[in-house]
């Protein structure tokens, strides 16, 4: 139903900031619940944040107060602003779109946090 492409990952220092973007196809983007997940090597996929079509947001405890999810429905894009980054934030970050019974995933973008 929707194709997702993540971008904005890279190498950042501890305490630094990074903004991830997820560009979506289709005219129904505004109806999807959009979310970010992450997966570190050897670890299970972990929920990070979601944003509903109306703008309501929810965050995992591990990122609350540091990360902000937002969306621009006119641009079919969801963002993840990451501040005060820690080494444990190092992971591949995946964009997710849910509408009814469908769940769609992007290919992911790598975030590495180090000194």
C-alpha atoms as a PDB file:
ATOM      1  CA  UNK A   1       0.000   0.000   0.000  1.00  0.00           C
ATOM      2  CA  UNK A   2       2.815   2.422   0.815  1.00  0.00           C
ATOM      3  CA  UNK A   3       6.542   2.470   0.080  1.00  0.00           C
ATOM      4  CA  UNK A   4       8.895   3.961   2.663  1.00  0.00           C
ATOM      5  CA  UNK A   5      12.451   5.281   2.281  1.00  0.00           C
ATOM      6  CA  UNK A   6      14.490   6.331   5.328  1.00  0.00           C
ATOM      7  CA  UNK A   7      17.364   8.810   5.221  1.00  0.00           C
ATOM      8  CA  UNK A   8      19.464  10.995   7.508  1.00  0.00           C
ATOM      9  CA  UNK A   9      21.441   8.362   9.388  1.00  0.00           C
ATOM     10  CA  UNK A  10      25.161   8.605   9.990  1.00  0.00           C
ATOM     11  CA  UNK A  11      27.937   8.893  12.555  1.00  0.00           C
ATOM     12  CA  UNK A  12      27.402  11.321  15.435  1.00  0.00           C
ATOM     13  CA  UNK A  13      29.244  12.071  18.678  1.00  0.00           C
ATOM     14  CA  UNK A  14      27.850  11.291  22.123  1.00  0.00           C
ATOM     15  CA  UNK A  15      25.512  14.115  23.109  1.00  0.00           C
ATOM     16  CA  UNK A  16      25.001  15.147  19.511  1.00  0.00           C
ATOM     17  CA  UNK A  17      21.855  15.374  17.406  1.00  0.00           C
ATOM     18  CA  UNK A  18      20.544  13.836  14.221  1.00  0.00           C
ATOM     19  CA  UNK A  19      17.300  14.111  12.248  1.00  0.00           C
ATOM     20  CA  UNK A  20      15.942  11.092  10.390  1.00  0.00           C
ATOM     21  CA  UNK A  21      13.412  11.335   7.573  1.00  0.00           C
ATOM     22  CA  UNK A  22      11.009   8.778   6.124  1.00  0.00           C
ATOM     23  CA  UNK A  23       9.496   9.597   2.745  1.00  0.00           C
ATOM     24  CA  UNK A  24       6.325   7.724   1.803  1.00  0.00           C
ATOM     25  CA  UNK A  25       4.494   7.138  -1.456  1.00  0.00           C
ATOM     26  CA  UNK A  26       0.752   7.251  -2.031  1.00  0.00           C
ATOM     27  CA  UNK A  27      -2.130   9.659  -1.503  1.00  0.00           C
ATOM     28  CA  UNK A  28      -3.353   8.024   1.731  1.00  0.00           C
ATOM     29  CA  UNK A  29      -0.282   8.840   3.849  1.00  0.00           C
ATOM     30  CA  UNK A  30      -2.266  11.118   6.137  1.00  0.00           C
ATOM     31  CA  UNK A  31      -4.400   8.212   7.377  1.00  0.00           C
ATOM     32  CA  UNK A  32      -1.492   6.002   8.491  1.00  0.00           C
ATOM     33  CA  UNK A  33      -0.112   5.651  11.974  1.00  0.00           C
ATOM     34  CA  UNK A  34       3.618   6.247  11.471  1.00  0.00           C
ATOM     35  CA  UNK A  35       6.279   4.818  13.756  1.00  0.00           C
ATOM     36  CA  UNK A  36      10.013   4.425  14.199  1.00  0.00           C
ATOM     37  CA  UNK A  37      11.670   1.215  15.365  1.00  0.00           C
ATOM     38  CA  UNK A  38      15.329   0.362  15.785  1.00  0.00           C
ATOM     39  CA  UNK A  39      17.446  -2.773  15.874  1.00  0.00           C
ATOM     40  CA  UNK A  40      21.009  -3.126  17.122  1.00  0.00           C
ATOM     41  CA  UNK A  41      23.209  -6.069  16.045  1.00  0.00           C
ATOM     42  CA  UNK A  42      22.224  -9.206  17.940  1.00  0.00           C
ATOM     43  CA  UNK A  43      19.223  -7.462  19.519  1.00  0.00           C
ATOM     44  CA  UNK A  44      15.476  -7.682  18.956  1.00  0.00           C
ATOM     45  CA  UNK A  45      13.641  -4.946  17.102  1.00  0.00           C
ATOM     46  CA  UNK A  46      12.664  -2.187  19.540  1.00  0.00           C
ATOM     47  CA  UNK A  47       9.814   0.318  19.387  1.00  0.00           C
ATOM     48  CA  UNK A  48      10.925   3.957  19.489  1.00  0.00           C
ATOM     49  CA  UNK A  49       7.950   6.243  18.815  1.00  0.00           C
ATOM     50  CA  UNK A  50       4.692   6.602  16.900  1.00  0.00           C
ATOM     51  CA  UNK A  51       2.520   9.446  15.688  1.00  0.00           C
ATOM     52  CA  UNK A  52      -1.163   9.156  14.782  1.00  0.00           C
ATOM     53  CA  UNK A  53      -2.797  10.860  11.814  1.00  0.00           C
ATOM     54  CA  UNK A  54      -4.066  13.659  14.059  1.00  0.00           C
ATOM     55  CA  UNK A  55      -0.636  14.271  15.591  1.00  0.00           C
ATOM     56  CA  UNK A  56      -0.850  12.381  18.904  1.00  0.00           C
ATOM     57  CA  UNK A  57       2.543  10.926  19.845  1.00  0.00           C
ATOM     58  CA  UNK A  58       3.944   8.229  22.124  1.00  0.00           C
ATOM     59  CA  UNK A  59       7.550   7.380  22.997  1.00  0.00           C
ATOM     60  CA  UNK A  60       9.482   4.497  24.446  1.00  0.00           C
ATOM     61  CA  UNK A  61      10.849   5.254  27.913  1.00  0.00           C
ATOM     62  CA  UNK A  62      14.401   4.899  26.599  1.00  0.00           C
ATOM     63  CA  UNK A  63      14.028   7.916  24.288  1.00  0.00           C
ATOM     64  CA  UNK A  64      11.368  10.038  25.980  1.00  0.00           C
ATOM     65  CA  UNK A  65      12.580  13.597  26.481  1.00  0.00           C
ATOM     66  CA  UNK A  66      15.355  13.198  23.913  1.00  0.00           C
ATOM     67  CA  UNK A  67      13.579  12.203  20.676  1.00  0.00           C
ATOM     68  CA  UNK A  68      10.707  13.934  18.882  1.00  0.00           C
ATOM     69  CA  UNK A  69       8.553  12.369  16.158  1.00  0.00           C
ATOM     70  CA  UNK A  70       6.659  14.614  13.749  1.00  0.00           C
ATOM     71  CA  UNK A  71       4.962  14.407  10.363  1.00  0.00           C
ATOM     72  CA  UNK A  72       4.285  16.611   7.367  1.00  0.00           C
ATOM     73  CA  UNK A  73       1.301  15.111   5.567  1.00  0.00           C
ATOM     74  CA  UNK A  74       1.627  17.550   2.668  1.00  0.00           C
ATOM     75  CA  UNK A  75       5.109  16.150   2.008  1.00  0.00           C
ATOM     76  CA  UNK A  76       4.250  12.519   2.863  1.00  0.00           C
ATOM     77  CA  UNK A  77       7.130  12.537   5.341  1.00  0.00           C
ATOM     78  CA  UNK A  78       7.682  11.570   8.970  1.00  0.00           C
ATOM     79  CA  UNK A  79      10.689  12.756  10.980  1.00  0.00           C
ATOM     80  CA  UNK A  80      12.588  11.654  14.056  1.00  0.00           C
ATOM     81  CA  UNK A  81      14.626  14.378  15.757  1.00  0.00           C
ATOM     82  CA  UNK A  82      17.192  12.732  18.034  1.00  0.00           C
ATOM     83  CA  UNK A  83      18.980  14.837  20.662  1.00  0.00           C
ATOM     84  CA  UNK A  84      21.485  14.026  23.409  1.00  0.00           C
ATOM     85  CA  UNK A  85      22.419  10.818  21.643  1.00  0.00           C
ATOM     86  CA  UNK A  86      23.950   7.953  23.615  1.00  0.00           C
ATOM     87  CA  UNK A  87      25.982   4.914  22.519  1.00  0.00           C
ATOM     88  CA  UNK A  88      22.961   2.695  23.217  1.00  0.00           C
ATOM     89  CA  UNK A  89      21.074   4.595  20.503  1.00  0.00           C
ATOM     90  CA  UNK A  90      23.345   2.966  17.910  1.00  0.00           C
ATOM     91  CA  UNK A  91      21.112   0.855  15.651  1.00  0.00           C
ATOM     92  CA  UNK A  92      19.445   0.592  12.284  1.00  0.00           C
ATOM     93  CA  UNK A  93      16.332   2.770  12.401  1.00  0.00           C
ATOM     94  CA  UNK A  94      13.256   1.600  10.489  1.00  0.00           C
ATOM     95  CA  UNK A  95      10.173   3.532   9.457  1.00  0.00           C
ATOM     96  CA  UNK A  96       6.817   1.777   9.845  1.00  0.00           C
ATOM     97  CA  UNK A  97       3.352   2.633   8.473  1.00  0.00           C
ATOM     98  CA  UNK A  98       0.155   1.003   9.742  1.00  0.00           C
ATOM     99  CA  UNK A  99      -3.393   1.326   8.421  1.00  0.00           C
ATOM    100  CA  UNK A 100      -5.996  -1.261   9.332  1.00  0.00           C
ATOM    101  CA  UNK A 101      -4.484  -4.689   8.868  1.00  0.00           C
ATOM    102  CA  UNK A 102      -1.503  -3.573   6.799  1.00  0.00           C
ATOM    103  CA  UNK A 103       1.990  -2.922   8.156  1.00  0.00           C
ATOM    104  CA  UNK A 104       4.738  -1.555   5.903  1.00  0.00           C
ATOM    105  CA  UNK A 105       8.467  -1.148   6.501  1.00  0.00           C
ATOM    106  CA  UNK A 106      11.308   0.796   4.973  1.00  0.00           C
ATOM    107  CA  UNK A 107      14.824  -0.550   4.428  1.00  0.00           C
ATOM    108  CA  UNK A 108      16.336   1.281   7.392  1.00  0.00           C
ATOM    109  CA  UNK A 109      19.084   3.832   7.987  1.00  0.00           C
ATOM    110  CA  UNK A 110      22.146   3.306  10.198  1.00  0.00           C
ATOM    111  CA  UNK A 111      22.780   5.538  13.213  1.00  0.00           C
ATOM    112  CA  UNK A 112      26.120   5.200  15.001  1.00  0.00           C
ATOM    113  CA  UNK A 113      26.883   7.135  18.199  1.00  0.00           C
ATOM    114  CA  UNK A 114      30.473   7.291  19.440  1.00  0.00           C
ATOM    115  CA  UNK A 115      33.158   9.640  20.747  1.00  0.00           C
END
